C-alpha atoms as a PDB file:
ATOM      1  CA  ARG A   1       0.000   0.000   0.000  1.00  0.00           C
ATOM      2  CA  LEU A   2       1.114   3.538  -0.778  1.00  0.00           C
ATOM      3  CA  VAL A   3       0.430   6.227   1.813  1.00  0.00           C
ATOM      4  CA  ILE A   4       0.633   9.751   0.461  1.00  0.00           C
ATOM      5  CA  GLU A   5       0.910  13.054   2.303  1.00  0.00           C
ATOM      6  CA  LEU A   6      -1.025  15.783   0.478  1.00  0.00           C
ATOM      7  CA  TYR A   7      -0.106  19.477   0.367  1.00  0.00           C
ATOM      8  CA  ASP A   8      -3.481  21.152   1.016  1.00  0.00           C
ATOM      9  CA  ASP A   9      -1.760  24.480   1.682  1.00  0.00           C
ATOM     10  CA  LYS A  10       0.224  24.547  -1.587  1.00  0.00           C
ATOM     11  CA  ALA A  11      -2.185  23.022  -4.111  1.00  0.00           C
ATOM     12  CA  PRO A  12      -5.719  22.990  -2.641  1.00  0.00           C
ATOM     13  CA  LEU A  13      -7.501  22.356  -5.960  1.00  0.00           C
ATOM     14  CA  ALA A  14      -5.275  19.431  -6.915  1.00  0.00           C
ATOM     15  CA  VAL A  15      -5.665  17.981  -3.414  1.00  0.00           C
ATOM     16  CA  GLU A  16      -9.464  18.396  -3.397  1.00  0.00           C
ATOM     17  CA  ASN A  17      -9.681  16.744  -6.819  1.00  0.00           C
ATOM     18  CA  PHE A  18      -7.365  13.864  -5.822  1.00  0.00           C
ATOM     19  CA  LYS A  19      -9.159  13.188  -2.519  1.00  0.00           C
ATOM     20  CA  ALA A  20     -12.578  13.116  -4.189  1.00  0.00           C
ATOM     21  CA  LEU A  21     -11.286  10.742  -6.879  1.00  0.00           C
ATOM     22  CA  CYS A  22      -9.831   8.522  -4.143  1.00  0.00           C
ATOM     23  CA  THR A  23     -13.175   8.311  -2.312  1.00  0.00           C
ATOM     24  CA  GLY A  24     -15.489   8.279  -5.331  1.00  0.00           C
ATOM     25  CA  GLU A  25     -17.758  10.767  -3.566  1.00  0.00           C
ATOM     26  CA  LYS A  26     -18.643  12.741  -6.724  1.00  0.00           C
ATOM     27  CA  GLY A  27     -20.596   9.944  -8.417  1.00  0.00           C
ATOM     28  CA  VAL A  28     -20.565   9.500 -12.191  1.00  0.00           C
ATOM     29  CA  SER A  29     -19.187  11.849 -14.834  1.00  0.00           C
ATOM     30  CA  LYS A  30     -21.891  13.286 -17.069  1.00  0.00           C
ATOM     31  CA  ASN A  31     -19.305  13.615 -19.842  1.00  0.00           C
ATOM     32  CA  CYS A  32     -18.144   9.998 -20.046  1.00  0.00           C
ATOM     33  CA  GLY A  33     -20.615   8.033 -17.881  1.00  0.00           C
ATOM     34  CA  VAL A  34     -17.861   6.534 -15.715  1.00  0.00           C
ATOM     35  CA  ALA A  35     -17.490   6.924 -11.951  1.00  0.00           C
ATOM     36  CA  TYR A  36     -15.219   9.677 -10.674  1.00  0.00           C
ATOM     37  CA  HIS A  37     -13.071   7.143  -8.830  1.00  0.00           C
ATOM     38  CA  TYR A  38      -9.518   5.841  -8.935  1.00  0.00           C
ATOM     39  CA  LYS A  39     -10.489   2.385  -7.650  1.00  0.00           C
ATOM     40  CA  GLY A  40      -9.875  -0.086 -10.475  1.00  0.00           C
ATOM     41  CA  VAL A  41      -7.882   2.420 -12.529  1.00  0.00           C
ATOM     42  CA  ARG A  42      -4.670   1.196 -14.090  1.00  0.00           C
ATOM     43  CA  PHE A  43      -1.309   2.886 -14.337  1.00  0.00           C
ATOM     44  CA  HIS A  44      -0.890   3.096 -18.099  1.00  0.00           C
ATOM     45  CA  ARG A  45       2.692   4.370 -18.005  1.00  0.00           C
ATOM     46  CA  VAL A  46       5.634   3.014 -15.979  1.00  0.00           C
ATOM     47  CA  VAL A  47       9.100   4.266 -16.926  1.00  0.00           C
ATOM     48  CA  LYS A  48      12.135   2.978 -15.019  1.00  0.00           C
ATOM     49  CA  GLY A  49      14.123   5.754 -13.372  1.00  0.00           C
ATOM     50  CA  PHE A  50      11.397   8.289 -14.195  1.00  0.00           C
ATOM     51  CA  MET A  51       7.804   7.797 -13.040  1.00  0.00           C
ATOM     52  CA  MET A  52       4.506   5.916 -13.037  1.00  0.00           C
ATOM     53  CA  GLN A  53       1.390   7.631 -14.404  1.00  0.00           C
ATOM     54  CA  GLY A  54      -2.278   6.799 -13.948  1.00  0.00           C
ATOM     55  CA  GLY A  55      -5.609   8.373 -13.119  1.00  0.00           C
ATOM     56  CA  ASP A  56      -7.381   8.020 -16.470  1.00  0.00           C
ATOM     57  CA  PHE A  57     -10.625   6.634 -15.047  1.00  0.00           C
ATOM     58  CA  ALA A  58     -12.477   7.226 -18.330  1.00  0.00           C
ATOM     59  CA  MET A  59     -10.332   5.442 -20.937  1.00  0.00           C
ATOM     60  CA  GLN A  60      -7.701   3.622 -18.810  1.00  0.00           C
ATOM     61  CA  ASN A  61      -5.001   4.335 -21.400  1.00  0.00           C
ATOM     62  CA  GLY A  62      -3.834   7.898 -20.771  1.00  0.00           C
ATOM     63  CA  SER A  63      -6.054   9.542 -23.367  1.00  0.00           C
ATOM     64  CA  GLY A  64      -8.881  10.512 -21.022  1.00  0.00           C
ATOM     65  CA  GLY A  65      -9.981  11.490 -17.577  1.00  0.00           C
ATOM     66  CA  GLU A  66     -11.243  14.772 -16.217  1.00  0.00           C
ATOM     67  CA  SER A  67     -11.342  16.684 -12.977  1.00  0.00           C
ATOM     68  CA  ILE A  68     -14.256  16.451 -10.535  1.00  0.00           C
ATOM     69  CA  TRP A  69     -15.427  19.771 -12.005  1.00  0.00           C
ATOM     70  CA  ALA A  70     -15.866  18.052 -15.418  1.00  0.00           C
ATOM     71  CA  LYS A  71     -13.244  20.292 -16.999  1.00  0.00           C
ATOM     72  CA  LYS A  72      -9.538  21.051 -16.810  1.00  0.00           C
ATOM     73  CA  PHE A  73      -8.365  23.251 -13.961  1.00  0.00           C
ATOM     74  CA  LYS A  74      -5.610  25.826 -13.742  1.00  0.00           C
ATOM     75  CA  ASP A  75      -2.103  25.285 -12.459  1.00  0.00           C
ATOM     76  CA  GLU A  76      -1.613  26.400  -8.875  1.00  0.00           C
ATOM     77  CA  LYS A  77       1.390  28.725  -8.521  1.00  0.00           C
ATOM     78  CA  ASP A  78       2.571  27.353  -5.168  1.00  0.00           C
ATOM     79  CA  GLY A  79       2.357  23.781  -6.488  1.00  0.00           C
ATOM     80  CA  LEU A  80       4.411  24.765  -9.538  1.00  0.00           C
ATOM     81  CA  LYS A  81       7.114  26.146  -7.230  1.00  0.00           C
ATOM     82  CA  LEU A  82       7.597  22.767  -5.525  1.00  0.00           C
ATOM     83  CA  LYS A  83      10.310  20.532  -6.930  1.00  0.00           C
ATOM     84  CA  HIS A  84      10.381  17.019  -8.355  1.00  0.00           C
ATOM     85  CA  ASP A  85      13.496  16.451  -6.283  1.00  0.00           C
ATOM     86  CA  ALA A  86      13.025  12.970  -4.834  1.00  0.00           C
ATOM     87  CA  ARG A  87      11.568   9.512  -5.283  1.00  0.00           C
ATOM     88  CA  GLY A  88       7.849   9.505  -4.456  1.00  0.00           C
ATOM     89  CA  VAL A  89       6.817  13.034  -5.481  1.00  0.00           C
ATOM     90  CA  LEU A  90       3.109  13.203  -6.443  1.00  0.00           C
ATOM     91  CA  SER A  91       2.275  15.572  -9.278  1.00  0.00           C
ATOM     92  CA  MET A  92      -0.488  16.332 -11.765  1.00  0.00           C
ATOM     93  CA  GLY A  93      -0.210  14.892 -15.244  1.00  0.00           C
ATOM     94  CA  ASN A  94      -1.125  17.404 -17.920  1.00  0.00           C
ATOM     95  CA  THR A  95      -0.956  18.182 -21.620  1.00  0.00           C
ATOM     96  CA  GLY A  96       0.401  21.688 -21.099  1.00  0.00           C
ATOM     97  CA  LYS A  97      -0.254  24.791 -19.060  1.00  0.00           C
ATOM     98  CA  ASN A  98      -3.545  24.857 -17.091  1.00  0.00           C
ATOM     99  CA  SER A  99      -4.694  21.429 -18.329  1.00  0.00           C
ATOM    100  CA  ASN A 100      -5.031  19.449 -15.080  1.00  0.00           C
ATOM    101  CA  GLY A 101      -7.670  16.716 -15.002  1.00  0.00           C
ATOM    102  CA  SER A 102      -7.552  13.374 -13.186  1.00  0.00           C
ATOM    103  CA  GLN A 103      -4.189  12.008 -14.308  1.00  0.00           C
ATOM    104  CA  PHE A 104      -1.280  12.090 -11.897  1.00  0.00           C
ATOM    105  CA  PHE A 105       2.183  10.625 -11.593  1.00  0.00           C
ATOM    106  CA  ILE A 106       4.600   9.532  -8.891  1.00  0.00           C
ATOM    107  CA  THR A 107       8.319   9.926  -9.500  1.00  0.00           C
ATOM    108  CA  PHE A 108      10.819   7.077  -9.201  1.00  0.00           C
ATOM    109  CA  ALA A 109      13.735   9.550  -9.062  1.00  0.00           C
ATOM    110  CA  PRO A 110      14.367  13.306  -9.079  1.00  0.00           C
ATOM    111  CA  CYS A 111      12.985  14.797 -12.315  1.00  0.00           C
ATOM    112  CA  LYS A 112      14.124  18.416 -12.460  1.00  0.00           C
ATOM    113  CA  ALA A 113      12.949  18.775 -16.081  1.00  0.00           C
ATOM    114  CA  LEU A 114       9.355  18.652 -14.775  1.00  0.00           C
ATOM    115  CA  ASP A 115       9.819  21.514 -12.299  1.00  0.00           C
ATOM    116  CA  GLY A 116       7.533  24.461 -13.023  1.00  0.00           C
ATOM    117  CA  LYS A 117       5.537  22.450 -15.587  1.00  0.00           C
ATOM    118  CA  HIS A 118       3.535  20.102 -13.338  1.00  0.00           C
ATOM    119  CA  VAL A 119       1.776  20.939 -10.069  1.00  0.00           C
ATOM    120  CA  VAL A 120       3.313  19.030  -7.160  1.00  0.00           C
ATOM    121  CA  PHE A 121       0.675  18.267  -4.538  1.00  0.00           C
ATOM    122  CA  GLY A 122       2.040  15.504  -2.333  1.00  0.00           C
ATOM    123  CA  LYS A 123       4.613  12.826  -1.640  1.00  0.00           C
ATOM    124  CA  VAL A 124       4.728   9.151  -0.759  1.00  0.00           C
ATOM    125  CA  ILE A 125       5.500   8.681   2.953  1.00  0.00           C
ATOM    126  CA  GLU A 126       4.975   4.895   3.220  1.00  0.00           C
ATOM    127  CA  GLY A 127       5.148   2.034   0.741  1.00  0.00           C
ATOM    128  CA  PHE A 128       8.449   2.558  -1.032  1.00  0.00           C
ATOM    129  CA  GLY A 129       8.683  -1.213  -1.480  1.00  0.00           C
ATOM    130  CA  VAL A 130       5.485  -0.987  -3.542  1.00  0.00           C
ATOM    131  CA  LEU A 131       7.117   1.700  -5.695  1.00  0.00           C
ATOM    132  CA  ASP A 132      10.124  -0.604  -6.177  1.00  0.00           C
ATOM    133  CA  ALA A 133       7.849  -3.464  -7.272  1.00  0.00           C
ATOM    134  CA  ILE A 134       5.972  -1.253  -9.732  1.00  0.00           C
ATOM    135  CA  GLU A 135       9.164   0.217 -11.186  1.00  0.00           C
ATOM    136  CA  ALA A 136      10.414  -3.338 -11.769  1.00  0.00           C
ATOM    137  CA  LEU A 137       7.450  -3.785 -14.158  1.00  0.00           C
ATOM    138  CA  ALA A 138       8.646  -1.043 -16.498  1.00  0.00           C
ATOM    139  CA  ALA A 139       8.836  -2.069 -20.138  1.00  0.00           C
ATOM    140  CA  ALA A 140      12.293  -2.322 -21.686  1.00  0.00           C
ATOM    141  CA  SER A 141      13.668   1.070 -22.663  1.00  0.00           C
ATOM    142  CA  GLY A 142      13.497   1.879 -26.336  1.00  0.00           C
ATOM    143  CA  GLY A 143      10.267  -0.057 -26.751  1.00  0.00           C
ATOM    144  CA  VAL A 144       7.169   1.111 -28.573  1.00  0.00           C
ATOM    145  CA  THR A 145       5.108   1.411 -25.391  1.00  0.00           C
ATOM    146  CA  GLU A 146       5.578   2.636 -21.840  1.00  0.00           C
ATOM    147  CA  GLU A 147       2.890   0.288 -20.506  1.00  0.00           C
ATOM    148  CA  PRO A 148       4.047  -1.912 -17.631  1.00  0.00           C
ATOM    149  CA  THR A 149       4.850  -5.555 -18.369  1.00  0.00           C
ATOM    150  CA  ALA A 150       2.001  -6.618 -16.041  1.00  0.00           C
ATOM    151  CA  PRO A 151      -1.146  -4.710 -15.029  1.00  0.00           C
ATOM    152  CA  VAL A 152      -0.710  -2.160 -12.238  1.00  0.00           C
ATOM    153  CA  VAL A 153      -4.162  -1.342 -10.879  1.00  0.00           C
ATOM    154  CA  VAL A 154      -5.452   0.703  -7.933  1.00  0.00           C
ATOM    155  CA  ALA A 155      -7.004  -2.079  -5.826  1.00  0.00           C
ATOM    156  CA  ASP A 156      -8.494   0.331  -3.296  1.00  0.00           C
ATOM    157  CA  CYS A 157      -8.099   3.947  -2.268  1.00  0.00           C
ATOM    158  CA  GLY A 158      -9.450   6.510   0.121  1.00  0.00           C
ATOM    159  CA  VAL A 159      -8.508   9.100   2.708  1.00  0.00           C
ATOM    160  CA  LEU A 160      -6.962   8.144   6.060  1.00  0.00           C
END
């Protein structure tokens, strides 16, 4: 199990969105007809020495997902100031500036190239052995896909 500390004070929108998607409290998306919930969602991208990415509850492949507000939300300045400077940093996946939805990633190593481009909103505080096991499932580098060699799925999630 991964236990994550969230930075409510630095990225309140990202944290509110993430918590609600962990609990499933927002029901079903009117846009895609799928539950706003991370339970059962797969990590579609696992890159050794870089990160694991998931959160696409709509399509399960990295092409979908949305925030609990049914639209993209803006980058939070304080979250952009935080650094991807360690293993276990939790950050919003995006397709560019102000395009945050439901996708997120957790770093396997410092990733300074992501600083200022992705909102950091938490960090792993327990379960680094789980991160090790997931990173070991990364596809061979230079391959066509970044999908893990075996399914990595959120078995359960919530707020402690």
